[in-house]
């Protein structure tokens, strides 16, 4: 049976702590400081490595909520664009998505780079992002 990385990290932590206890005990019995040095290399260092791996695994799971938040904001941007005939501004998105203007602008810029929308500067100097799939159809005079 194969062990996953988390199991190996736990095993490394436990064996490191065990070795630290064993060599610490030997030091207490003999009084020779060489056993402290052996305990550090055979126990403390592996225990710290195992603990570090476990902590990094726990924090690695923290990225999924960030992806979920990004997806939520993208969805809200599309809803806002749909409600405003395919045109949005970072401010309008920030209000509707309950996010900062900077967050809205960054996601809109990312979507522009990926080709999902285009950037337009109006005659008055306002920056708008156009989602062509959500623009009113000029042939029917209204949205799809």
N, C-alpha and C. Protein backbone atom coordinates (compact mmCIF):
# COMPACT_ATOMS: atom_id res chain seq x y z
N UNK A 1 0.83 -1.17 0.00
CA UNK A 1 0.00 0.00 0.00
C UNK A 1 0.88 1.25 0.00
N UNK A 2 0.60 2.19 -0.92
CA UNK A 2 1.39 3.42 -1.01
C UNK A 2 0.92 4.43 0.02
N UNK A 3 1.87 5.13 0.58
CA UNK A 3 1.54 6.18 1.55
C UNK A 3 1.45 7.51 0.81
N UNK A 4 0.49 8.33 1.22
CA UNK A 4 0.44 9.65 0.61
C UNK A 4 1.45 10.57 1.30
N UNK A 5 1.63 11.75 0.75
CA UNK A 5 2.65 12.67 1.27
C UNK A 5 2.36 13.11 2.69
N UNK A 6 1.08 13.25 3.03
CA UNK A 6 0.72 13.66 4.38
C UNK A 6 1.10 12.58 5.39
N UNK A 7 0.86 11.31 5.02
CA UNK A 7 1.23 10.21 5.91
C UNK A 7 2.75 10.17 6.12
N UNK A 8 3.50 10.40 5.06
CA UNK A 8 4.96 10.41 5.17
C UNK A 8 5.43 11.55 6.07
N UNK A 9 4.77 12.71 5.97
CA UNK A 9 5.15 13.85 6.80
C UNK A 9 4.87 13.56 8.27
N UNK A 10 3.73 12.93 8.56
CA UNK A 10 3.39 12.56 9.94
C UNK A 10 4.41 11.54 10.46
N UNK A 11 4.73 10.57 9.63
CA UNK A 11 5.71 9.56 10.01
C UNK A 11 7.07 10.21 10.31
N UNK A 12 7.47 11.16 9.50
CA UNK A 12 8.74 11.85 9.70
C UNK A 12 8.72 12.65 11.00
N UNK A 13 7.61 13.31 11.28
CA UNK A 13 7.48 14.08 12.51
C UNK A 13 7.54 13.18 13.73
N UNK A 14 6.77 12.10 13.72
CA UNK A 14 6.72 11.19 14.86
C UNK A 14 8.07 10.51 15.09
N UNK A 15 8.69 10.05 14.02
CA UNK A 15 9.99 9.37 14.20
C UNK A 15 11.05 10.37 14.68
N UNK A 16 10.98 11.60 14.20
CA UNK A 16 11.93 12.62 14.66
C UNK A 16 11.76 12.93 16.14
N UNK A 17 10.49 13.05 16.55
CA UNK A 17 10.24 13.30 17.98
C UNK A 17 10.67 12.11 18.83
N UNK A 18 10.45 10.90 18.31
CA UNK A 18 10.85 9.68 19.04
C UNK A 18 12.37 9.64 19.20
N UNK A 19 13.07 9.92 18.12
CA UNK A 19 14.54 9.89 18.19
C UNK A 19 15.05 10.98 19.14
N UNK A 20 14.39 12.12 19.15
CA UNK A 20 14.79 13.19 20.07
C UNK A 20 14.62 12.72 21.51
N UNK A 21 13.51 12.05 21.79
CA UNK A 21 13.27 11.54 23.14
C UNK A 21 14.29 10.47 23.52
N UNK A 22 14.59 9.56 22.59
CA UNK A 22 15.54 8.48 22.87
C UNK A 22 16.92 9.05 23.18
N UNK A 23 17.41 9.92 22.29
CA UNK A 23 18.76 10.45 22.49
C UNK A 23 18.81 11.45 23.63
N UNK A 24 17.69 12.11 23.91
CA UNK A 24 17.63 12.97 25.10
C UNK A 24 17.73 12.13 26.36
N UNK A 25 17.06 10.98 26.35
CA UNK A 25 17.16 10.06 27.49
C UNK A 25 18.56 9.52 27.68
N UNK A 26 19.20 9.15 26.58
CA UNK A 26 20.57 8.65 26.65
C UNK A 26 21.49 9.73 27.22
N UNK A 27 21.27 10.97 26.80
CA UNK A 27 22.08 12.08 27.34
C UNK A 27 21.87 12.21 28.85
N UNK A 28 20.60 12.12 29.29
CA UNK A 28 20.32 12.25 30.72
C UNK A 28 20.97 11.13 31.53
N UNK A 29 21.02 9.95 30.95
CA UNK A 29 21.62 8.81 31.65
C UNK A 29 23.14 8.90 31.68
N UNK A 30 23.74 9.22 30.52
CA UNK A 30 25.21 9.21 30.43
C UNK A 30 25.84 10.55 30.75
N UNK A 31 25.13 11.63 30.50
CA UNK A 31 25.70 12.96 30.72
C UNK A 31 26.65 13.40 29.62
N UNK A 32 26.81 12.59 28.58
CA UNK A 32 27.72 12.91 27.48
C UNK A 32 27.00 13.78 26.45
N UNK A 33 27.57 14.94 26.16
CA UNK A 33 26.92 15.89 25.25
C UNK A 33 26.91 15.43 23.79
N UNK A 34 27.68 14.41 23.47
CA UNK A 34 27.64 13.89 22.10
C UNK A 34 26.24 13.42 21.75
N UNK A 35 25.51 12.90 22.75
CA UNK A 35 24.16 12.40 22.49
C UNK A 35 23.19 13.54 22.16
N UNK A 36 23.46 14.73 22.66
CA UNK A 36 22.65 15.90 22.28
C UNK A 36 22.83 16.20 20.79
N UNK A 37 24.07 16.15 20.34
CA UNK A 37 24.36 16.41 18.94
C UNK A 37 23.70 15.36 18.05
N UNK A 38 23.81 14.10 18.45
CA UNK A 38 23.17 13.02 17.69
C UNK A 38 21.65 13.22 17.70
N UNK A 39 21.10 13.60 18.84
CA UNK A 39 19.66 13.84 18.95
C UNK A 39 19.17 14.95 18.04
N UNK A 40 19.98 15.98 17.88
CA UNK A 40 19.60 17.08 16.98
C UNK A 40 19.55 16.59 15.54
N UNK A 41 20.58 15.88 15.11
CA UNK A 41 20.62 15.43 13.72
C UNK A 41 19.67 14.28 13.42
N UNK A 42 19.50 13.38 14.38
CA UNK A 42 18.64 12.21 14.14
C UNK A 42 17.18 12.46 14.51
N UNK A 43 16.92 13.48 15.34
CA UNK A 43 15.56 13.68 15.80
C UNK A 43 14.97 15.06 15.55
N UNK A 44 15.64 16.08 16.02
CA UNK A 44 15.07 17.42 15.93
C UNK A 44 14.92 17.88 14.48
N UNK A 45 15.94 17.73 13.69
CA UNK A 45 15.88 18.19 12.30
C UNK A 45 14.81 17.44 11.50
N UNK A 46 14.73 16.10 11.57
CA UNK A 46 13.63 15.42 10.87
C UNK A 46 12.25 15.82 11.39
N UNK A 47 12.14 16.04 12.70
CA UNK A 47 10.84 16.44 13.27
C UNK A 47 10.42 17.80 12.73
N UNK A 48 11.34 18.73 12.64
CA UNK A 48 11.03 20.05 12.09
C UNK A 48 10.65 19.93 10.62
N UNK A 49 11.35 19.08 9.88
CA UNK A 49 11.02 18.87 8.47
C UNK A 49 9.62 18.31 8.30
N UNK A 50 9.26 17.31 9.10
CA UNK A 50 7.92 16.73 9.03
C UNK A 50 6.84 17.73 9.39
N UNK A 51 7.09 18.51 10.44
CA UNK A 51 6.13 19.54 10.85
C UNK A 51 5.96 20.59 9.75
N UNK A 52 7.06 20.97 9.15
CA UNK A 52 6.99 21.95 8.05
C UNK A 52 6.18 21.44 6.88
N UNK A 53 6.36 20.18 6.53
CA UNK A 53 5.60 19.59 5.42
C UNK A 53 4.11 19.55 5.74
N UNK A 54 3.78 19.19 6.98
CA UNK A 54 2.36 19.16 7.38
C UNK A 54 1.74 20.55 7.32
N UNK A 55 2.45 21.54 7.80
CA UNK A 55 1.94 22.91 7.79
C UNK A 55 1.75 23.39 6.36
N UNK A 56 2.71 23.12 5.50
CA UNK A 56 2.59 23.57 4.11
C UNK A 56 1.43 22.87 3.40
N UNK A 57 1.16 21.62 3.72
CA UNK A 57 0.03 20.90 3.12
C UNK A 57 -1.29 21.53 3.57
N UNK A 58 -1.37 21.90 4.83
CA UNK A 58 -2.61 22.52 5.33
C UNK A 58 -2.85 23.86 4.66
N UNK A 59 -1.79 24.64 4.48
CA UNK A 59 -1.96 25.95 3.86
C UNK A 59 -2.17 25.85 2.36
N UNK A 60 -1.70 24.79 1.75
CA UNK A 60 -1.90 24.61 0.31
C UNK A 60 -3.38 24.48 -0.01
N UNK A 61 -4.15 23.92 0.89
CA UNK A 61 -5.59 23.82 0.70
C UNK A 61 -6.28 25.16 0.74
N UNK A 62 -5.58 26.19 1.21
CA UNK A 62 -6.17 27.52 1.32
C UNK A 62 -6.33 28.24 -0.01
N UNK A 63 -5.80 27.69 -1.09
CA UNK A 63 -5.91 28.36 -2.37
C UNK A 63 -7.25 28.12 -3.05
N UNK A 64 -7.93 27.06 -2.73
CA UNK A 64 -9.23 26.78 -3.34
C UNK A 64 -10.23 27.89 -3.06
N UNK A 65 -10.33 28.41 -1.84
CA UNK A 65 -11.26 29.52 -1.63
C UNK A 65 -10.92 30.75 -2.46
N UNK A 66 -9.63 30.98 -2.72
CA UNK A 66 -9.26 32.10 -3.57
C UNK A 66 -9.78 31.90 -4.99
N UNK A 67 -9.69 30.67 -5.51
CA UNK A 67 -10.22 30.39 -6.83
C UNK A 67 -11.74 30.55 -6.84
N UNK A 68 -12.39 30.12 -5.76
CA UNK A 68 -13.84 30.26 -5.66
C UNK A 68 -14.23 31.73 -5.65
N UNK A 69 -13.48 32.55 -4.95
CA UNK A 69 -13.76 33.99 -4.89
C UNK A 69 -13.58 34.62 -6.27
N UNK A 70 -12.54 34.22 -6.96
CA UNK A 70 -12.30 34.73 -8.31
C UNK A 70 -13.46 34.35 -9.23
N UNK A 71 -13.91 33.11 -9.15
CA UNK A 71 -15.03 32.65 -9.97
C UNK A 71 -16.30 33.43 -9.63
N UNK A 72 -16.51 33.69 -8.34
CA UNK A 72 -17.69 34.46 -7.92
C UNK A 72 -17.64 35.87 -8.51
N UNK A 73 -16.47 36.50 -8.45
CA UNK A 73 -16.34 37.85 -8.99
C UNK A 73 -16.52 37.87 -10.51
N UNK A 74 -15.96 36.89 -11.21
CA UNK A 74 -16.15 36.82 -12.66
C UNK A 74 -17.63 36.66 -13.00
N UNK A 75 -18.31 35.80 -12.25
CA UNK A 75 -19.74 35.59 -12.48
C UNK A 75 -20.51 36.90 -12.26
N UNK A 76 -20.16 37.63 -11.20
CA UNK A 76 -20.85 38.89 -10.92
C UNK A 76 -20.53 39.94 -11.99
N UNK A 77 -19.33 39.91 -12.52
CA UNK A 77 -18.98 40.83 -13.62
C UNK A 77 -19.86 40.54 -14.82
N UNK A 78 -20.04 39.26 -15.15
CA UNK A 78 -20.88 38.91 -16.30
C UNK A 78 -22.34 39.28 -16.05
N UNK A 79 -22.83 39.09 -14.84
CA UNK A 79 -24.20 39.50 -14.51
C UNK A 79 -24.37 41.01 -14.67
N UNK A 80 -23.38 41.75 -14.18
CA UNK A 80 -23.43 43.21 -14.29
C UNK A 80 -23.40 43.63 -15.76
N UNK A 81 -22.54 42.99 -16.54
CA UNK A 81 -22.47 43.31 -17.97
C UNK A 81 -23.79 42.98 -18.65
N UNK A 82 -24.39 41.88 -18.29
CA UNK A 82 -25.68 41.49 -18.87
C UNK A 82 -26.76 42.52 -18.54
N UNK A 83 -26.75 43.03 -17.33
CA UNK A 83 -27.75 44.01 -16.91
C UNK A 83 -27.54 45.37 -17.56
N UNK A 84 -26.32 45.64 -18.03
CA UNK A 84 -25.99 46.95 -18.61
C UNK A 84 -25.59 46.84 -20.08
N UNK A 85 -26.30 46.00 -20.80
CA UNK A 85 -26.12 45.87 -22.25
C UNK A 85 -24.68 45.59 -22.67
N UNK A 86 -23.99 44.75 -21.90
CA UNK A 86 -22.65 44.32 -22.27
C UNK A 86 -21.54 45.29 -21.93
N UNK A 87 -21.87 46.39 -21.25
CA UNK A 87 -20.87 47.41 -20.91
C UNK A 87 -20.76 47.55 -19.40
N UNK A 88 -19.54 47.51 -18.89
CA UNK A 88 -19.32 47.70 -17.45
C UNK A 88 -18.12 48.61 -17.22
N UNK A 89 -18.09 49.17 -16.03
CA UNK A 89 -16.93 49.93 -15.58
C UNK A 89 -16.45 49.27 -14.29
N UNK A 90 -15.20 49.47 -13.93
CA UNK A 90 -14.71 48.89 -12.67
C UNK A 90 -15.54 49.34 -11.46
N UNK A 91 -15.97 50.59 -11.46
CA UNK A 91 -16.77 51.10 -10.35
C UNK A 91 -18.11 50.39 -10.27
N UNK A 92 -18.77 50.25 -11.39
CA UNK A 92 -20.07 49.56 -11.42
C UNK A 92 -19.93 48.11 -10.96
N UNK A 93 -18.87 47.45 -11.40
CA UNK A 93 -18.63 46.06 -10.98
C UNK A 93 -18.37 46.01 -9.48
N UNK A 94 -17.54 46.93 -8.97
CA UNK A 94 -17.22 46.93 -7.54
C UNK A 94 -18.47 47.08 -6.69
N UNK A 95 -19.39 47.93 -7.12
CA UNK A 95 -20.64 48.12 -6.37
C UNK A 95 -21.48 46.84 -6.41
N UNK A 96 -21.62 46.25 -7.57
CA UNK A 96 -22.47 45.06 -7.71
C UNK A 96 -21.85 43.80 -7.15
N UNK A 97 -20.53 43.71 -7.15
CA UNK A 97 -19.85 42.49 -6.71
C UNK A 97 -19.34 42.58 -5.27
N UNK A 98 -19.53 43.73 -4.65
CA UNK A 98 -19.03 43.94 -3.28
C UNK A 98 -17.54 43.63 -3.19
N UNK A 99 -16.79 44.27 -4.06
CA UNK A 99 -15.33 44.12 -4.04
C UNK A 99 -14.72 45.50 -4.23
N UNK A 100 -13.42 45.60 -4.16
CA UNK A 100 -12.77 46.88 -4.37
C UNK A 100 -12.70 47.20 -5.86
N UNK A 101 -12.56 48.46 -6.16
CA UNK A 101 -12.43 48.88 -7.56
C UNK A 101 -11.17 48.27 -8.16
N UNK A 102 -10.11 48.20 -7.35
CA UNK A 102 -8.85 47.61 -7.82
C UNK A 102 -9.02 46.14 -8.19
N UNK A 103 -9.77 45.39 -7.36
CA UNK A 103 -10.03 43.98 -7.68
C UNK A 103 -10.81 43.87 -8.98
N UNK A 104 -11.84 44.69 -9.10
CA UNK A 104 -12.67 44.66 -10.30
C UNK A 104 -11.83 44.99 -11.54
N UNK A 105 -11.02 46.02 -11.44
CA UNK A 105 -10.19 46.43 -12.57
C UNK A 105 -9.21 45.32 -12.95
N UNK A 106 -8.59 44.68 -11.95
CA UNK A 106 -7.63 43.62 -12.24
C UNK A 106 -8.30 42.46 -12.98
N UNK A 107 -9.46 42.04 -12.51
CA UNK A 107 -10.14 40.93 -13.17
C UNK A 107 -10.60 41.34 -14.56
N UNK A 108 -11.11 42.54 -14.70
CA UNK A 108 -11.52 43.02 -16.03
C UNK A 108 -10.33 43.08 -16.98
N UNK A 109 -9.20 43.56 -16.49
CA UNK A 109 -7.98 43.59 -17.33
C UNK A 109 -7.56 42.17 -17.72
N UNK A 110 -7.64 41.22 -16.77
CA UNK A 110 -7.31 39.82 -17.07
C UNK A 110 -8.25 39.27 -18.15
N UNK A 111 -9.54 39.57 -18.01
CA UNK A 111 -10.51 39.10 -19.00
C UNK A 111 -10.26 39.73 -20.37
N UNK A 112 -9.81 40.97 -20.37
CA UNK A 112 -9.47 41.65 -21.63
C UNK A 112 -8.26 40.97 -22.27
N UNK A 113 -7.24 40.69 -21.48
CA UNK A 113 -6.04 40.02 -21.98
C UNK A 113 -6.37 38.66 -22.57
N UNK A 114 -7.31 37.96 -21.96
CA UNK A 114 -7.70 36.63 -22.43
C UNK A 114 -8.69 36.69 -23.60
N UNK A 115 -9.14 37.89 -23.96
CA UNK A 115 -10.01 38.05 -25.12
C UNK A 115 -11.50 37.91 -24.84
N UNK A 116 -11.90 37.90 -23.59
CA UNK A 116 -13.31 37.76 -23.27
C UNK A 116 -14.07 39.08 -23.37
N UNK A 117 -13.35 40.19 -23.30
CA UNK A 117 -13.97 41.50 -23.45
C UNK A 117 -12.94 42.45 -24.05
N UNK A 118 -13.40 43.64 -24.41
CA UNK A 118 -12.50 44.65 -24.97
C UNK A 118 -12.61 45.91 -24.14
N UNK A 119 -11.59 46.70 -24.19
CA UNK A 119 -11.53 47.95 -23.46
C UNK A 119 -11.87 49.09 -24.41
N UNK A 120 -12.70 49.99 -23.94
CA UNK A 120 -13.06 51.15 -24.74
C UNK A 120 -13.02 52.39 -23.86
N UNK A 121 -12.45 53.45 -24.40
CA UNK A 121 -12.45 54.73 -23.70
C UNK A 121 -13.46 55.62 -24.41
N UNK A 122 -14.48 56.06 -23.68
CA UNK A 122 -15.54 56.86 -24.28
C UNK A 122 -15.04 58.27 -24.57
N UNK A 123 -15.83 59.04 -25.31
CA UNK A 123 -15.46 60.43 -25.64
C UNK A 123 -15.27 61.26 -24.37
N UNK A 124 -15.98 60.91 -23.32
CA UNK A 124 -15.85 61.65 -22.06
C UNK A 124 -14.65 61.18 -21.23
N UNK A 125 -13.93 60.13 -21.71
CA UNK A 125 -12.74 59.63 -21.02
C UNK A 125 -13.01 58.50 -20.05
N UNK A 126 -14.24 58.02 -20.01
CA UNK A 126 -14.58 56.92 -19.10
C UNK A 126 -14.11 55.60 -19.71
N UNK A 127 -13.54 54.75 -18.86
CA UNK A 127 -13.09 53.43 -19.30
C UNK A 127 -14.25 52.45 -19.15
N UNK A 128 -14.59 51.78 -20.24
CA UNK A 128 -15.64 50.77 -20.23
C UNK A 128 -15.09 49.48 -20.80
N UNK A 129 -15.61 48.40 -20.30
CA UNK A 129 -15.25 47.08 -20.81
C UNK A 129 -16.49 46.54 -21.52
N UNK A 130 -16.29 46.07 -22.76
CA UNK A 130 -17.40 45.59 -23.57
C UNK A 130 -17.31 44.08 -23.73
N UNK A 131 -18.41 43.42 -23.39
CA UNK A 131 -18.54 41.98 -23.60
C UNK A 131 -19.41 41.81 -24.83
N UNK A 132 -18.78 41.50 -25.96
CA UNK A 132 -19.51 41.47 -27.23
C UNK A 132 -20.66 40.46 -27.23
N UNK A 133 -20.51 39.36 -26.50
CA UNK A 133 -21.58 38.37 -26.43
C UNK A 133 -22.82 38.91 -25.71
N UNK A 134 -22.63 39.96 -24.93
CA UNK A 134 -23.75 40.50 -24.15
C UNK A 134 -24.25 41.84 -24.69
N UNK A 135 -23.65 42.33 -25.79
CA UNK A 135 -24.12 43.57 -26.40
C UNK A 135 -25.47 43.33 -27.07
N UNK A 136 -26.34 44.35 -27.08
CA UNK A 136 -27.62 44.18 -27.77
C UNK A 136 -27.38 43.85 -29.25
N UNK A 137 -28.17 42.97 -29.77
CA UNK A 137 -28.06 42.58 -31.18
C UNK A 137 -28.62 43.72 -32.03
N UNK A 138 -27.80 44.30 -32.88
CA UNK A 138 -28.23 45.45 -33.68
C UNK A 138 -29.32 45.09 -34.68
N UNK A 139 -29.43 43.81 -35.05
CA UNK A 139 -30.46 43.41 -36.02
C UNK A 139 -31.85 43.36 -35.39
N UNK A 140 -31.91 42.99 -34.09
CA UNK A 140 -33.22 42.87 -33.45
C UNK A 140 -33.54 44.04 -32.56
N UNK A 141 -32.54 44.88 -32.31
CA UNK A 141 -32.77 46.05 -31.48
C UNK A 141 -32.81 45.77 -29.99
N UNK A 142 -32.45 44.57 -29.55
CA UNK A 142 -32.48 44.25 -28.14
C UNK A 142 -31.55 43.10 -27.84
N UNK A 143 -31.40 42.79 -26.55
CA UNK A 143 -30.51 41.68 -26.18
C UNK A 143 -31.07 40.35 -26.61
N UNK A 144 -30.16 39.35 -26.73
CA UNK A 144 -30.57 37.99 -27.11
C UNK A 144 -31.51 37.40 -26.10
